[in-house]
Amino acid sequence: MLPRKNRLIQKKDFEVISRTGTFFSFGEVFLKIRSNNSKETKIGFSIGIKFSSKAVERNRIKRQLREIFRKNIKKIEKGWDVMVSLKKSGKKEFLMDELERDVLAVLKKAKLI
């Protein structure tokens, strides 16, 4: 689980990032990032019903993403709000290493690593 100081929780924060954030994508993963003028990076996950109508599948993907970010939080540059999401895909099963590879690639593309 991500430490509390690194979680993006409030709905208004997600809305601000959605409106004003910069978009980056790689493979199935996309990010919206925004500077937060803070000493910590906050990460939030938005996996919508378009990804899958089954809550079990959406929650499983969120758990996988949280674990990937928990392992790599020390590598990520400080002072950003990051919203992570997945594109609608025919694939419902993602292998952890494929997902981690895509996440790290999109973080490098966004120059957060």
C-alpha atoms as a PDB file:
ATOM      1  CA  MET A   1       0.000   0.000   0.000  1.00  0.00           C
ATOM      2  CA  LEU A   2       1.193   3.493  -0.769  1.00  0.00           C
ATOM      3  CA  PRO A   3       2.075   5.658   2.235  1.00  0.00           C
ATOM      4  CA  ARG A   4      -0.678   8.115   3.129  1.00  0.00           C
ATOM      5  CA  LYS A   5       1.491  11.118   2.257  1.00  0.00           C
ATOM      6  CA  ASN A   6       1.795   9.780  -1.310  1.00  0.00           C
ATOM      7  CA  ARG A   7      -1.903   9.193  -1.974  1.00  0.00           C
ATOM      8  CA  LEU A   8      -4.101  11.390  -4.099  1.00  0.00           C
ATOM      9  CA  ILE A   9      -7.554  10.982  -2.591  1.00  0.00           C
ATOM     10  CA  GLN A  10      -9.799  14.020  -2.912  1.00  0.00           C
ATOM     11  CA  LYS A  11     -12.181  14.274  -5.844  1.00  0.00           C
ATOM     12  CA  LYS A  12     -11.326  17.939  -6.460  1.00  0.00           C
ATOM     13  CA  ASP A  13      -7.648  17.018  -6.906  1.00  0.00           C
ATOM     14  CA  PHE A  14      -8.568  14.459  -9.578  1.00  0.00           C
ATOM     15  CA  GLU A  15     -10.745  17.045 -11.338  1.00  0.00           C
ATOM     16  CA  VAL A  16      -7.972  19.665 -11.355  1.00  0.00           C
ATOM     17  CA  ILE A  17      -5.453  17.188 -12.745  1.00  0.00           C
ATOM     18  CA  SER A  18      -7.944  16.027 -15.383  1.00  0.00           C
ATOM     19  CA  ARG A  19      -8.522  19.596 -16.557  1.00  0.00           C
ATOM     20  CA  THR A  20      -5.022  21.072 -16.318  1.00  0.00           C
ATOM     21  CA  GLY A  21      -2.620  18.126 -16.278  1.00  0.00           C
ATOM     22  CA  THR A  22      -0.179  17.133 -18.996  1.00  0.00           C
ATOM     23  CA  PHE A  23      -0.961  13.859 -20.763  1.00  0.00           C
ATOM     24  CA  PHE A  24       1.565  11.047 -21.366  1.00  0.00           C
ATOM     25  CA  SER A  25       0.923   7.491 -22.526  1.00  0.00           C
ATOM     26  CA  PHE A  26       2.777   4.300 -23.322  1.00  0.00           C
ATOM     27  CA  GLY A  27       1.154   0.995 -24.205  1.00  0.00           C
ATOM     28  CA  GLU A  28      -2.010   0.592 -22.163  1.00  0.00           C
ATOM     29  CA  VAL A  29      -1.048   3.049 -19.392  1.00  0.00           C
ATOM     30  CA  PHE A  30      -1.568   6.793 -19.418  1.00  0.00           C
ATOM     31  CA  LEU A  31      -0.720   9.514 -16.931  1.00  0.00           C
ATOM     32  CA  LYS A  32      -1.855  13.032 -16.297  1.00  0.00           C
ATOM     33  CA  ILE A  33       0.654  14.995 -14.243  1.00  0.00           C
ATOM     34  CA  ARG A  34       0.650  18.401 -12.625  1.00  0.00           C
ATOM     35  CA  SER A  35       3.136  20.190 -10.393  1.00  0.00           C
ATOM     36  CA  ASN A  36       1.905  20.450  -6.789  1.00  0.00           C
ATOM     37  CA  ASN A  37       4.578  22.697  -5.170  1.00  0.00           C
ATOM     38  CA  SER A  38       5.017  20.175  -2.373  1.00  0.00           C
ATOM     39  CA  LYS A  39       7.843  18.016  -1.075  1.00  0.00           C
ATOM     40  CA  GLU A  40       5.985  14.803  -1.908  1.00  0.00           C
ATOM     41  CA  THR A  41       4.611  13.204  -5.041  1.00  0.00           C
ATOM     42  CA  LYS A  42       0.980  12.180  -4.791  1.00  0.00           C
ATOM     43  CA  ILE A  43      -0.391   9.369  -6.917  1.00  0.00           C
ATOM     44  CA  GLY A  44      -4.027   8.529  -7.656  1.00  0.00           C
ATOM     45  CA  PHE A  45      -5.586   5.785  -9.730  1.00  0.00           C
ATOM     46  CA  SER A  46      -8.633   6.146 -11.940  1.00  0.00           C
ATOM     47  CA  ILE A  47      -9.845   2.933 -13.529  1.00  0.00           C
ATOM     48  CA  GLY A  48     -13.266   3.598 -14.998  1.00  0.00           C
ATOM     49  CA  ILE A  49     -16.197   1.423 -15.838  1.00  0.00           C
ATOM     50  CA  LYS A  50     -15.238   1.652 -19.531  1.00  0.00           C
ATOM     51  CA  PHE A  51     -12.160  -0.437 -18.724  1.00  0.00           C
ATOM     52  CA  SER A  52     -14.328  -3.208 -17.332  1.00  0.00           C
ATOM     53  CA  SER A  53     -17.874  -3.390 -16.077  1.00  0.00           C
ATOM     54  CA  LYS A  54     -16.746  -5.850 -13.389  1.00  0.00           C
ATOM     55  CA  ALA A  55     -15.542  -4.229 -10.164  1.00  0.00           C
ATOM     56  CA  VAL A  56     -13.375  -7.267  -9.406  1.00  0.00           C
ATOM     57  CA  GLU A  57     -11.267  -6.647 -12.524  1.00  0.00           C
ATOM     58  CA  ARG A  58     -10.982  -2.890 -11.881  1.00  0.00           C
ATOM     59  CA  ASN A  59      -9.917  -3.447  -8.265  1.00  0.00           C
ATOM     60  CA  ARG A  60      -7.362  -6.072  -9.265  1.00  0.00           C
ATOM     61  CA  ILE A  61      -5.709  -3.676 -11.707  1.00  0.00           C
ATOM     62  CA  LYS A  62      -5.660  -0.914  -9.073  1.00  0.00           C
ATOM     63  CA  ARG A  63      -3.964  -3.266  -6.595  1.00  0.00           C
ATOM     64  CA  GLN A  64      -1.345  -4.162  -9.196  1.00  0.00           C
ATOM     65  CA  LEU A  65      -0.704  -0.498 -10.019  1.00  0.00           C
ATOM     66  CA  ARG A  66      -0.439   0.448  -6.335  1.00  0.00           C
ATOM     67  CA  GLU A  67       2.174  -2.257  -5.805  1.00  0.00           C
ATOM     68  CA  ILE A  68       4.206  -1.094  -8.807  1.00  0.00           C
ATOM     69  CA  PHE A  69       4.214   2.500  -7.562  1.00  0.00           C
ATOM     70  CA  ARG A  70       4.968   1.435  -3.978  1.00  0.00           C
ATOM     71  CA  LYS A  71       8.097  -0.394  -5.146  1.00  0.00           C
ATOM     72  CA  ASN A  72       9.247   2.523  -7.314  1.00  0.00           C
ATOM     73  CA  ILE A  73       8.152   5.572  -5.268  1.00  0.00           C
ATOM     74  CA  LYS A  74      11.742   6.415  -4.274  1.00  0.00           C
ATOM     75  CA  LYS A  75      12.754   6.720  -7.961  1.00  0.00           C
ATOM     76  CA  ILE A  76       9.965   9.175  -8.824  1.00  0.00           C
ATOM     77  CA  GLU A  77      10.763  12.876  -8.773  1.00  0.00           C
ATOM     78  CA  LYS A  78       9.211  14.860  -5.884  1.00  0.00           C
ATOM     79  CA  GLY A  79       6.619  17.636  -6.227  1.00  0.00           C
ATOM     80  CA  TRP A  80       4.083  16.168  -8.667  1.00  0.00           C
ATOM     81  CA  ASP A  81       0.475  15.028  -8.644  1.00  0.00           C
ATOM     82  CA  VAL A  82       0.083  11.958 -10.853  1.00  0.00           C
ATOM     83  CA  MET A  83      -3.183  10.414 -12.017  1.00  0.00           C
ATOM     84  CA  VAL A  84      -2.760   6.925 -13.492  1.00  0.00           C
ATOM     85  CA  SER A  85      -5.303   5.226 -15.706  1.00  0.00           C
ATOM     86  CA  LEU A  86      -5.559   2.482 -18.303  1.00  0.00           C
ATOM     87  CA  LYS A  87      -6.917   2.678 -21.804  1.00  0.00           C
ATOM     88  CA  LYS A  88      -9.986   0.698 -22.714  1.00  0.00           C
ATOM     89  CA  SER A  89      -8.699  -2.571 -24.049  1.00  0.00           C
ATOM     90  CA  GLY A  90      -9.910  -6.003 -25.012  1.00  0.00           C
ATOM     91  CA  LYS A  91      -7.390  -7.357 -22.502  1.00  0.00           C
ATOM     92  CA  LYS A  92      -8.711  -7.777 -18.985  1.00  0.00           C
ATOM     93  CA  GLU A  93      -5.733  -9.751 -17.673  1.00  0.00           C
ATOM     94  CA  PHE A  94      -2.443  -7.913 -17.410  1.00  0.00           C
ATOM     95  CA  LEU A  95       0.779  -9.596 -16.402  1.00  0.00           C
ATOM     96  CA  MET A  96       2.514  -7.732 -13.597  1.00  0.00           C
ATOM     97  CA  ASP A  97       5.826  -7.397 -15.482  1.00  0.00           C
ATOM     98  CA  GLU A  98       4.119  -6.078 -18.647  1.00  0.00           C
ATOM     99  CA  LEU A  99       2.222  -3.531 -16.602  1.00  0.00           C
ATOM    100  CA  GLU A 100       5.354  -2.520 -14.679  1.00  0.00           C
ATOM    101  CA  ARG A 101       7.314  -2.135 -17.919  1.00  0.00           C
ATOM    102  CA  ASP A 102       4.616   0.169 -19.352  1.00  0.00           C
ATOM    103  CA  VAL A 103       4.387   2.205 -16.123  1.00  0.00           C
ATOM    104  CA  LEU A 104       8.149   2.741 -15.940  1.00  0.00           C
ATOM    105  CA  ALA A 105       8.270   3.645 -19.636  1.00  0.00           C
ATOM    106  CA  VAL A 106       5.535   6.259 -19.313  1.00  0.00           C
ATOM    107  CA  LEU A 107       7.216   7.700 -16.180  1.00  0.00           C
ATOM    108  CA  LYS A 108      10.473   8.030 -18.141  1.00  0.00           C
ATOM    109  CA  LYS A 109       8.579   9.639 -21.015  1.00  0.00           C
ATOM    110  CA  ALA A 110       7.125  12.169 -18.556  1.00  0.00           C
ATOM    111  CA  LYS A 111      10.638  12.707 -17.111  1.00  0.00           C
ATOM    112  CA  LEU A 112       9.527  11.728 -13.611  1.00  0.00           C
ATOM    113  CA  ILE A 113      12.257   9.084 -13.306  1.00  0.00           C
END
